[in-house]
């Protein structure tokens, strides 16, 4: 009986030790991982924010006259005066096909900027351009660009 009691006490001690060790490891692992979506970003067209309103209702649209220019993505700073771009960040480009609703990757490599006219050469009428951050630190709440005339 004494051996069974000692064995059970030893098992209980090991279980408690492992449980507390796992909890302390979680603390250290979580401290090393940067939080996801901790910085806000926006799409820029020729250095200016493309979104019409930096809110959940905002949309990125380009008019037909804007067929040339540079697209980029930058972090944004908000203040009482409004939202302004701060630092360019890498991104990838995809195109959403209007006929099939299929999204295909335009750029395999991360870019700092891309010429709009180069993207438009690969589009069909009704397509949309999607820009994606390559780092989960950056939230890009308006990733899709509507083209009023289609591609």
C-alpha atoms as a PDB file:
ATOM      1  CA  UNK A   1       0.000   0.000   0.000  1.00  0.00           C
ATOM      2  CA  UNK A   2       2.866   2.375   0.833  1.00  0.00           C
ATOM      3  CA  UNK A   3       4.386   1.838  -2.638  1.00  0.00           C
ATOM      4  CA  UNK A   4       1.098   2.606  -4.393  1.00  0.00           C
ATOM      5  CA  UNK A   5       0.691   5.782  -2.350  1.00  0.00           C
ATOM      6  CA  UNK A   6       4.261   6.910  -3.147  1.00  0.00           C
ATOM      7  CA  UNK A   7       3.768   6.112  -6.826  1.00  0.00           C
ATOM      8  CA  UNK A   8       0.521   8.137  -6.998  1.00  0.00           C
ATOM      9  CA  UNK A   9       2.101  11.070  -5.183  1.00  0.00           C
ATOM     10  CA  UNK A  10       5.021  11.016  -7.611  1.00  0.00           C
ATOM     11  CA  UNK A  11       2.643  10.988 -10.617  1.00  0.00           C
ATOM     12  CA  UNK A  12       0.672  13.878  -9.147  1.00  0.00           C
ATOM     13  CA  UNK A  13       3.861  15.879  -8.561  1.00  0.00           C
ATOM     14  CA  UNK A  14       5.047  15.250 -12.148  1.00  0.00           C
ATOM     15  CA  UNK A  15       1.653  16.261 -13.587  1.00  0.00           C
ATOM     16  CA  UNK A  16       1.599  19.518 -11.608  1.00  0.00           C
ATOM     17  CA  UNK A  17       5.209  20.284 -12.543  1.00  0.00           C
ATOM     18  CA  UNK A  18       4.583  19.705 -16.243  1.00  0.00           C
ATOM     19  CA  UNK A  19       1.417  21.818 -16.163  1.00  0.00           C
ATOM     20  CA  UNK A  20       3.138  24.793 -14.525  1.00  0.00           C
ATOM     21  CA  UNK A  21       6.170  24.455 -16.825  1.00  0.00           C
ATOM     22  CA  UNK A  22       3.901  24.533 -19.888  1.00  0.00           C
ATOM     23  CA  UNK A  23       2.184  27.683 -18.622  1.00  0.00           C
ATOM     24  CA  UNK A  24       5.485  29.458 -18.048  1.00  0.00           C
ATOM     25  CA  UNK A  25       6.648  28.460 -21.550  1.00  0.00           C
ATOM     26  CA  UNK A  26       3.468  29.986 -23.034  1.00  0.00           C
ATOM     27  CA  UNK A  27       4.329  33.263 -21.349  1.00  0.00           C
ATOM     28  CA  UNK A  28       7.816  33.350 -22.895  1.00  0.00           C
ATOM     29  CA  UNK A  29       6.644  32.208 -26.341  1.00  0.00           C
ATOM     30  CA  UNK A  30       3.880  34.832 -26.432  1.00  0.00           C
ATOM     31  CA  UNK A  31       6.345  37.522 -25.352  1.00  0.00           C
ATOM     32  CA  UNK A  32       8.613  36.715 -28.327  1.00  0.00           C
ATOM     33  CA  UNK A  33       5.888  36.680 -31.010  1.00  0.00           C
ATOM     34  CA  UNK A  34       4.910  40.147 -32.253  1.00  0.00           C
ATOM     35  CA  UNK A  35       1.174  40.843 -32.098  1.00  0.00           C
ATOM     36  CA  UNK A  36      -0.715  40.418 -35.351  1.00  0.00           C
ATOM     37  CA  UNK A  37      -2.198  43.484 -37.043  1.00  0.00           C
ATOM     38  CA  UNK A  38      -0.654  46.003 -34.679  1.00  0.00           C
ATOM     39  CA  UNK A  39      -0.097  48.687 -37.358  1.00  0.00           C
ATOM     40  CA  UNK A  40      -2.561  50.076 -39.891  1.00  0.00           C
ATOM     41  CA  UNK A  41      -1.718  50.448 -43.579  1.00  0.00           C
ATOM     42  CA  UNK A  42      -3.320  51.854 -46.719  1.00  0.00           C
ATOM     43  CA  UNK A  43      -2.898  51.649 -50.486  1.00  0.00           C
ATOM     44  CA  UNK A  44      -1.220  54.676 -52.067  1.00  0.00           C
ATOM     45  CA  UNK A  45      -1.712  55.878 -55.642  1.00  0.00           C
ATOM     46  CA  UNK A  46       1.104  58.217 -56.703  1.00  0.00           C
ATOM     47  CA  UNK A  47       1.971  58.753 -53.023  1.00  0.00           C
ATOM     48  CA  UNK A  48      -1.572  59.658 -51.896  1.00  0.00           C
ATOM     49  CA  UNK A  49      -3.982  57.463 -49.956  1.00  0.00           C
ATOM     50  CA  UNK A  50      -6.401  55.854 -52.389  1.00  0.00           C
ATOM     51  CA  UNK A  51      -9.202  55.037 -49.958  1.00  0.00           C
ATOM     52  CA  UNK A  52     -11.972  57.637 -49.983  1.00  0.00           C
ATOM     53  CA  UNK A  53     -12.593  57.289 -46.230  1.00  0.00           C
ATOM     54  CA  UNK A  54     -10.341  55.470 -43.755  1.00  0.00           C
ATOM     55  CA  UNK A  55     -13.208  53.725 -41.968  1.00  0.00           C
ATOM     56  CA  UNK A  56     -15.092  50.441 -42.370  1.00  0.00           C
ATOM     57  CA  UNK A  57     -17.190  52.138 -45.093  1.00  0.00           C
ATOM     58  CA  UNK A  58     -14.143  53.250 -47.116  1.00  0.00           C
ATOM     59  CA  UNK A  59     -13.454  52.070 -50.680  1.00  0.00           C
ATOM     60  CA  UNK A  60     -10.509  52.246 -53.042  1.00  0.00           C
ATOM     61  CA  UNK A  61     -11.583  53.339 -56.527  1.00  0.00           C
ATOM     62  CA  UNK A  62      -9.781  54.556 -59.610  1.00  0.00           C
ATOM     63  CA  UNK A  63     -11.402  56.565 -62.356  1.00  0.00           C
ATOM     64  CA  UNK A  64     -10.799  55.885 -66.060  1.00  0.00           C
ATOM     65  CA  UNK A  65      -8.456  58.857 -66.364  1.00  0.00           C
ATOM     66  CA  UNK A  66      -6.129  57.228 -63.801  1.00  0.00           C
ATOM     67  CA  UNK A  67      -4.733  54.399 -65.936  1.00  0.00           C
ATOM     68  CA  UNK A  68      -1.084  55.260 -65.220  1.00  0.00           C
ATOM     69  CA  UNK A  69       0.698  55.742 -61.954  1.00  0.00           C
ATOM     70  CA  UNK A  70       2.423  53.977 -59.094  1.00  0.00           C
ATOM     71  CA  UNK A  71       0.702  51.808 -56.497  1.00  0.00           C
ATOM     72  CA  UNK A  72       2.310  51.193 -53.109  1.00  0.00           C
ATOM     73  CA  UNK A  73       1.308  50.301 -49.557  1.00  0.00           C
ATOM     74  CA  UNK A  74       2.327  52.315 -46.495  1.00  0.00           C
ATOM     75  CA  UNK A  75       1.659  52.403 -42.787  1.00  0.00           C
ATOM     76  CA  UNK A  76      -0.558  55.279 -41.733  1.00  0.00           C
ATOM     77  CA  UNK A  77      -0.585  57.673 -38.822  1.00  0.00           C
ATOM     78  CA  UNK A  78      -3.863  59.023 -37.518  1.00  0.00           C
ATOM     79  CA  UNK A  79      -4.179  62.403 -35.876  1.00  0.00           C
ATOM     80  CA  UNK A  80      -6.791  65.102 -35.363  1.00  0.00           C
ATOM     81  CA  UNK A  81      -5.953  66.493 -38.813  1.00  0.00           C
ATOM     82  CA  UNK A  82      -6.590  63.111 -40.497  1.00  0.00           C
ATOM     83  CA  UNK A  83      -4.723  60.040 -41.648  1.00  0.00           C
ATOM     84  CA  UNK A  84      -1.387  60.340 -43.436  1.00  0.00           C
ATOM     85  CA  UNK A  85       0.984  57.768 -44.963  1.00  0.00           C
ATOM     86  CA  UNK A  86       4.157  57.091 -42.979  1.00  0.00           C
ATOM     87  CA  UNK A  87       6.446  54.256 -44.181  1.00  0.00           C
ATOM     88  CA  UNK A  88       6.215  52.078 -47.302  1.00  0.00           C
ATOM     89  CA  UNK A  89       5.932  48.348 -46.642  1.00  0.00           C
ATOM     90  CA  UNK A  90       6.262  45.301 -48.923  1.00  0.00           C
ATOM     91  CA  UNK A  91       3.163  43.827 -50.552  1.00  0.00           C
ATOM     92  CA  UNK A  92       2.009  41.400 -53.224  1.00  0.00           C
ATOM     93  CA  UNK A  93      -0.558  41.903 -55.956  1.00  0.00           C
ATOM     94  CA  UNK A  94      -3.380  39.619 -57.041  1.00  0.00           C
ATOM     95  CA  UNK A  95      -6.120  40.072 -59.609  1.00  0.00           C
ATOM     96  CA  UNK A  96      -9.706  39.003 -58.967  1.00  0.00           C
ATOM     97  CA  UNK A  97     -11.308  37.874 -62.199  1.00  0.00           C
ATOM     98  CA  UNK A  98     -14.741  39.410 -62.671  1.00  0.00           C
ATOM     99  CA  UNK A  99     -16.168  36.508 -64.729  1.00  0.00           C
ATOM    100  CA  UNK A 100     -15.097  33.580 -62.533  1.00  0.00           C
ATOM    101  CA  UNK A 101     -14.484  35.293 -59.175  1.00  0.00           C
ATOM    102  CA  UNK A 102     -11.063  33.589 -59.204  1.00  0.00           C
ATOM    103  CA  UNK A 103      -8.137  35.310 -57.514  1.00  0.00           C
ATOM    104  CA  UNK A 104      -4.750  34.751 -59.140  1.00  0.00           C
ATOM    105  CA  UNK A 105      -1.334  35.961 -58.030  1.00  0.00           C
ATOM    106  CA  UNK A 106       0.119  38.739 -60.181  1.00  0.00           C
ATOM    107  CA  UNK A 107       3.371  39.108 -58.227  1.00  0.00           C
ATOM    108  CA  UNK A 108       5.157  36.187 -56.622  1.00  0.00           C
ATOM    109  CA  UNK A 109       7.778  38.520 -55.128  1.00  0.00           C
ATOM    110  CA  UNK A 110       7.080  41.155 -52.517  1.00  0.00           C
ATOM    111  CA  UNK A 111       7.095  44.638 -54.039  1.00  0.00           C
ATOM    112  CA  UNK A 112       7.605  48.141 -52.671  1.00  0.00           C
ATOM    113  CA  UNK A 113       5.768  49.725 -55.612  1.00  0.00           C
ATOM    114  CA  UNK A 114       4.247  48.654 -58.924  1.00  0.00           C
ATOM    115  CA  UNK A 115       3.215  50.463 -62.092  1.00  0.00           C
ATOM    116  CA  UNK A 116      -0.569  50.422 -62.503  1.00  0.00           C
ATOM    117  CA  UNK A 117      -0.326  50.175 -66.303  1.00  0.00           C
ATOM    118  CA  UNK A 118       1.672  46.913 -65.978  1.00  0.00           C
ATOM    119  CA  UNK A 119      -1.115  45.359 -63.895  1.00  0.00           C
ATOM    120  CA  UNK A 120      -3.818  46.571 -66.288  1.00  0.00           C
ATOM    121  CA  UNK A 121      -2.147  44.676 -69.159  1.00  0.00           C
ATOM    122  CA  UNK A 122      -3.057  41.414 -67.378  1.00  0.00           C
ATOM    123  CA  UNK A 123      -6.656  42.331 -66.553  1.00  0.00           C
ATOM    124  CA  UNK A 124     -10.001  41.732 -68.235  1.00  0.00           C
ATOM    125  CA  UNK A 125     -13.002  44.064 -67.998  1.00  0.00           C
ATOM    126  CA  UNK A 126     -14.674  43.655 -64.596  1.00  0.00           C
ATOM    127  CA  UNK A 127     -11.535  42.503 -62.754  1.00  0.00           C
ATOM    128  CA  UNK A 128     -10.349  44.008 -59.474  1.00  0.00           C
ATOM    129  CA  UNK A 129      -6.841  44.540 -58.138  1.00  0.00           C
ATOM    130  CA  UNK A 130      -6.033  43.181 -54.669  1.00  0.00           C
ATOM    131  CA  UNK A 131      -2.972  44.231 -52.669  1.00  0.00           C
ATOM    132  CA  UNK A 132      -1.840  42.017 -49.776  1.00  0.00           C
ATOM    133  CA  UNK A 133       0.628  42.706 -46.994  1.00  0.00           C
ATOM    134  CA  UNK A 134       3.339  40.084 -46.502  1.00  0.00           C
ATOM    135  CA  UNK A 135       3.681  40.652 -42.755  1.00  0.00           C
ATOM    136  CA  UNK A 136       0.857  40.088 -40.267  1.00  0.00           C
ATOM    137  CA  UNK A 137       1.916  43.133 -38.280  1.00  0.00           C
ATOM    138  CA  UNK A 138       0.132  45.279 -40.862  1.00  0.00           C
ATOM    139  CA  UNK A 139      -3.622  45.537 -41.187  1.00  0.00           C
ATOM    140  CA  UNK A 140      -4.816  46.564 -44.661  1.00  0.00           C
ATOM    141  CA  UNK A 141      -8.569  47.082 -44.230  1.00  0.00           C
ATOM    142  CA  UNK A 142      -9.163  48.257 -47.832  1.00  0.00           C
ATOM    143  CA  UNK A 143      -7.169  45.791 -49.975  1.00  0.00           C
ATOM    144  CA  UNK A 144      -9.307  45.783 -53.122  1.00  0.00           C
ATOM    145  CA  UNK A 145      -9.190  48.443 -55.844  1.00  0.00           C
ATOM    146  CA  UNK A 146     -12.320  48.975 -57.900  1.00  0.00           C
ATOM    147  CA  UNK A 147     -11.779  50.133 -61.450  1.00  0.00           C
ATOM    148  CA  UNK A 148     -14.873  51.979 -62.606  1.00  0.00           C
ATOM    149  CA  UNK A 149     -14.140  51.159 -66.231  1.00  0.00           C
ATOM    150  CA  UNK A 150     -12.932  47.588 -65.633  1.00  0.00           C
ATOM    151  CA  UNK A 151      -9.428  46.584 -66.558  1.00  0.00           C
END
